[in-house]
N, C-alpha and C. Protein backbone atom coordinates (compact mmCIF):
# COMPACT_ATOMS: atom_id res chain seq x y z
N UNK A 1 -8.35 -13.02 -5.80
CA UNK A 1 -8.01 -12.41 -5.41
C UNK A 1 -6.86 -12.91 -4.14
N UNK A 2 -5.42 -12.24 -3.64
CA UNK A 2 -4.96 -12.49 -3.11
C UNK A 2 -5.13 -12.90 -1.35
N UNK A 3 -4.32 -14.01 -0.72
CA UNK A 3 -4.71 -14.42 0.12
C UNK A 3 -3.65 -13.62 1.04
N UNK A 4 -4.01 -13.22 3.00
CA UNK A 4 -2.20 -12.31 3.28
C UNK A 4 -1.58 -13.50 3.55
N UNK A 5 -1.27 -14.25 3.37
CA UNK A 5 0.28 -15.77 3.26
C UNK A 5 0.04 -15.51 2.06
N UNK A 6 -0.24 -14.78 0.68
CA UNK A 6 0.29 -15.20 -0.34
C UNK A 6 0.64 -13.53 -0.88
N UNK A 7 0.06 -12.05 -0.13
CA UNK A 7 0.24 -11.15 0.06
C UNK A 7 2.06 -10.65 0.79
N UNK A 8 2.14 -11.44 2.01
CA UNK A 8 3.11 -11.63 3.17
C UNK A 8 4.11 -12.35 1.98
N UNK A 9 3.83 -12.78 0.75
CA UNK A 9 5.63 -13.42 0.38
C UNK A 9 5.96 -12.29 -0.98
N UNK A 10 5.19 -11.57 -1.56
CA UNK A 10 5.81 -10.68 -2.08
C UNK A 10 6.79 -9.48 -1.67
N UNK A 11 7.90 -8.76 -2.48
CA UNK A 11 9.04 -8.07 -2.19
C UNK A 11 7.30 -6.83 -1.92
N UNK A 12 8.83 -5.72 -1.47
CA UNK A 12 8.07 -4.65 -1.14
C UNK A 12 7.42 -3.94 -3.15
N UNK A 13 8.54 -3.59 -3.72
CA UNK A 13 8.11 -3.77 -5.26
C UNK A 13 6.80 -3.89 -5.24
N UNK A 14 6.62 -5.10 -5.48
CA UNK A 14 5.34 -6.25 -5.72
C UNK A 14 4.02 -6.27 -5.20
N UNK A 15 4.31 -5.17 -3.60
CA UNK A 15 2.79 -5.06 -2.32
C UNK A 15 2.33 -3.65 -3.19
N UNK A 16 3.72 -2.86 -3.05
CA UNK A 16 3.46 -1.22 -4.37
C UNK A 16 2.84 -0.81 -5.51
N UNK A 17 3.10 -1.77 -6.76
CA UNK A 17 2.55 -2.58 -7.66
C UNK A 17 1.28 -2.77 -7.65
N UNK A 18 1.20 -3.90 -6.81
CA UNK A 18 -0.55 -4.41 -6.32
C UNK A 18 -1.16 -3.65 -6.03
N UNK A 19 -0.58 -2.37 -5.56
CA UNK A 19 -1.33 -1.42 -4.21
C UNK A 19 -2.25 -0.57 -4.97
N UNK A 20 -1.12 0.02 -6.17
CA UNK A 20 -1.49 1.35 -7.37
C UNK A 20 -2.44 0.43 -8.43
N UNK A 21 -2.47 -0.82 -8.38
CA UNK A 21 -3.45 -2.03 -9.57
C UNK A 21 -5.07 -1.82 -8.97
N UNK A 22 -4.82 -2.26 -7.07
CA UNK A 22 -6.01 -2.13 -7.00
C UNK A 22 -6.56 -0.58 -6.90
N UNK A 23 -5.74 -0.39 -6.50
CA UNK A 23 -6.77 1.18 -6.17
C UNK A 23 -6.73 2.25 -7.99
N UNK A 24 -6.29 1.54 -8.84
CA UNK A 24 -7.05 1.96 -10.28
C UNK A 24 -7.82 1.56 -10.30
N UNK A 25 -8.70 -0.26 -9.70
CA UNK A 25 -10.16 -1.03 -10.77
C UNK A 25 -11.15 -0.50 -9.69
N UNK A 26 -10.21 -0.20 -8.02
CA UNK A 26 -11.82 0.20 -7.45
C UNK A 26 -11.99 1.70 -8.26
N UNK A 27 -11.19 2.64 -8.07
CA UNK A 27 -11.31 3.89 -9.22
C UNK A 27 -12.35 3.38 -10.04
N UNK A 28 -11.93 2.94 -11.61
CA UNK A 28 -12.71 2.65 -12.58
C UNK A 28 -14.61 1.56 -11.85
N UNK A 29 -13.75 1.22 -11.26
CA UNK A 29 -15.94 0.00 -11.07
C UNK A 29 -16.63 1.36 -10.22
N UNK A 30 -15.89 1.92 -8.91
CA UNK A 30 -16.65 3.24 -8.84
C UNK A 30 -17.25 4.52 -9.25
N UNK A 31 -16.13 4.14 -10.69
CA UNK A 31 -17.00 4.97 -11.97
C UNK A 31 -18.24 4.39 -12.16
N UNK A 32 -18.36 3.40 -13.69
CA UNK A 32 -18.25 2.42 -13.76
C UNK A 32 -19.84 2.53 -12.88
N UNK A 33 -19.82 2.02 -11.90
CA UNK A 33 -21.23 2.22 -10.42
C UNK A 33 -21.81 3.85 -10.83
N UNK A 34 -21.05 4.81 -10.94
CA UNK A 34 -21.40 5.61 -11.17
C UNK A 34 -22.13 6.52 -12.04
N UNK A 35 -22.41 5.84 -13.05
CA UNK A 35 -22.54 5.68 -14.81
C UNK A 35 -23.71 4.84 -14.93
N UNK A 36 -23.83 3.44 -14.33
CA UNK A 36 -24.53 2.97 -14.31
C UNK A 36 -24.50 1.82 -15.28
N UNK A 37 -23.44 1.05 -15.59
CA UNK A 37 -22.89 0.56 -16.21
C UNK A 37 -21.62 -0.73 -15.34
N UNK A 38 -22.06 -0.43 -14.49
CA UNK A 38 -21.35 -2.08 -13.37
C UNK A 38 -22.05 -3.03 -12.82
N UNK A 39 -21.55 -4.58 -13.91
CA UNK A 39 -22.35 -5.41 -13.68
C UNK A 39 -21.86 -6.13 -11.96
N UNK A 40 -20.90 -6.37 -11.74
CA UNK A 40 -20.88 -6.87 -10.64
C UNK A 40 -20.29 -6.00 -9.04
N UNK A 41 -21.34 -5.64 -9.25
CA UNK A 41 -21.44 -4.44 -7.43
C UNK A 41 -20.20 -5.33 -6.38
N UNK A 42 -20.23 -6.77 -6.84
CA UNK A 42 -19.71 -7.14 -5.23
C UNK A 42 -18.11 -6.85 -5.44
N UNK A 43 -17.49 -7.21 -6.79
CA UNK A 43 -16.12 -6.56 -6.98
C UNK A 43 -15.67 -5.55 -5.92
N UNK A 44 -16.79 -4.77 -6.13
CA UNK A 44 -16.02 -3.44 -5.15
C UNK A 44 -15.59 -3.55 -4.04
N UNK A 45 -16.48 -3.93 -3.11
CA UNK A 45 -15.74 -4.97 -1.81
C UNK A 45 -14.82 -5.68 -1.59
N UNK A 46 -14.98 -6.62 -2.17
CA UNK A 46 -13.15 -7.34 -2.98
C UNK A 46 -12.32 -6.50 -3.13
N UNK A 47 -12.18 -5.64 -3.71
CA UNK A 47 -11.14 -4.58 -4.23
C UNK A 47 -10.81 -4.23 -3.05
N UNK A 48 -11.54 -3.67 -2.58
CA UNK A 48 -12.13 -2.39 -0.97
C UNK A 48 -10.69 -3.24 0.44
N UNK A 49 -11.62 -4.86 -0.22
CA UNK A 49 -10.10 -5.62 1.61
C UNK A 49 -9.68 -6.26 0.45
N UNK A 50 -8.72 -6.02 -0.31
CA UNK A 50 -7.63 -6.39 -1.28
C UNK A 50 -6.64 -5.12 -0.71
N UNK A 51 -7.07 -3.94 -0.74
CA UNK A 51 -6.40 -2.89 -0.84
C UNK A 51 -6.30 -3.17 0.52
N UNK A 52 -7.06 -3.14 1.46
CA UNK A 52 -7.12 -3.24 3.31
C UNK A 52 -5.60 -4.49 3.66
N UNK A 53 -5.64 -5.59 3.30
CA UNK A 53 -4.77 -6.56 3.16
C UNK A 53 -3.62 -5.60 2.90
N UNK A 54 -3.63 -4.77 2.11
CA UNK A 54 -1.71 -4.70 1.03
C UNK A 54 -1.46 -3.76 2.54
N UNK A 55 -2.48 -2.47 2.95
CA UNK A 55 -1.79 -1.55 3.38
C UNK A 55 -1.95 -2.24 4.78
N UNK A 56 -2.42 -3.28 4.94
CA UNK A 56 -1.67 -3.82 6.35
C UNK A 56 -0.95 -4.76 6.52
N UNK A 57 -0.73 -5.42 5.78
CA UNK A 57 1.25 -6.03 5.14
C UNK A 57 2.09 -4.96 5.21
N UNK A 58 1.82 -3.70 4.40
CA UNK A 58 2.98 -2.38 4.13
C UNK A 58 3.57 -2.27 5.23
N UNK A 59 2.07 -1.77 6.47
CA UNK A 59 2.71 -1.44 7.57
C UNK A 59 3.15 -1.46 8.16
N UNK A 60 2.84 -3.48 8.39
CA UNK A 60 3.66 -4.50 9.25
C UNK A 60 4.73 -4.37 8.72
N UNK A 61 5.19 -3.92 8.09
CA UNK A 61 6.55 -4.08 7.58
C UNK A 61 7.65 -2.87 7.78
N UNK A 62 6.58 -1.83 7.94
CA UNK A 62 7.38 -0.35 8.09
C UNK A 62 7.77 -0.70 9.86
N UNK A 63 6.28 -1.15 10.73
CA UNK A 63 7.25 -1.37 11.90
C UNK A 63 7.62 -2.09 12.23
N UNK A 64 7.73 -3.23 11.67
CA UNK A 64 9.15 -4.42 11.68
C UNK A 64 10.07 -3.46 11.42
N UNK A 65 10.57 -2.18 10.04
CA UNK A 65 11.41 -1.92 9.96
C UNK A 65 12.09 -1.43 10.85
N UNK A 66 10.90 0.11 11.98
CA UNK A 66 10.94 0.56 12.44
C UNK A 66 11.74 0.10 14.08
N UNK A 67 11.47 -0.96 14.59
CA UNK A 67 11.44 -1.52 15.20
C UNK A 67 13.00 -2.01 15.35
N UNK A 68 13.61 -2.70 13.72
CA UNK A 68 14.78 -3.25 13.49
C UNK A 68 16.01 -1.48 14.23
N UNK A 69 15.50 -0.61 13.44
CA UNK A 69 16.13 0.74 13.72
C UNK A 69 16.31 1.21 15.55
N UNK A 70 15.40 1.07 16.01
CA UNK A 70 15.30 1.11 17.38
C UNK A 70 16.31 0.09 18.04
N UNK A 71 15.82 -1.38 17.98
CA UNK A 71 17.23 -2.50 17.94
C UNK A 71 18.36 -1.44 17.94
N UNK A 72 19.07 -1.05 17.08
CA UNK A 72 20.15 -0.74 16.58
C UNK A 72 20.51 0.17 17.24
N UNK A 73 19.70 0.48 17.80
CA UNK A 73 20.10 2.80 17.98
C UNK A 73 20.49 2.34 19.51
N UNK A 74 19.16 1.30 20.24
CA UNK A 74 19.56 1.09 21.38
C UNK A 74 20.75 0.28 22.53
N UNK A 75 20.80 -1.01 21.12
CA UNK A 75 22.11 -1.09 21.30
C UNK A 75 23.86 -1.25 20.66
N UNK A 76 23.87 0.40 20.26
CA UNK A 76 24.79 1.26 19.40
C UNK A 76 25.05 0.69 17.95
N UNK A 77 24.16 -0.23 17.74
CA UNK A 77 24.02 -0.90 16.59
C UNK A 77 24.65 0.18 14.77
N UNK A 78 25.26 -0.19 14.21
CA UNK A 78 25.41 1.11 13.31
C UNK A 78 23.55 1.76 12.57
N UNK A 79 23.35 2.33 12.31
CA UNK A 79 22.62 2.62 11.88
C UNK A 79 21.78 2.69 9.49
N UNK A 80 21.54 2.28 10.20
CA UNK A 80 21.51 1.50 8.05
C UNK A 80 19.38 2.55 8.25
N UNK A 81 19.05 3.58 6.60
CA UNK A 81 17.95 3.65 6.27
C UNK A 81 18.10 3.26 4.67
């Protein structure tokens, strides 16, 4: 499991990739739990927390980008999206 510092060091593409993989893993864990084949129930919580960390970093980046655009607009700079 990656720490928040390690996640912040990732680029956007890798962040998206890890998020997709974690969501797939969570789906598989839930499926295993429903069928009675899950051995490590704690892993479900770990994956949920990892997804939350990934989404938090992703949202922080979205907010930072929006703030940069707003600053550029207010100073009369060019808009880059």
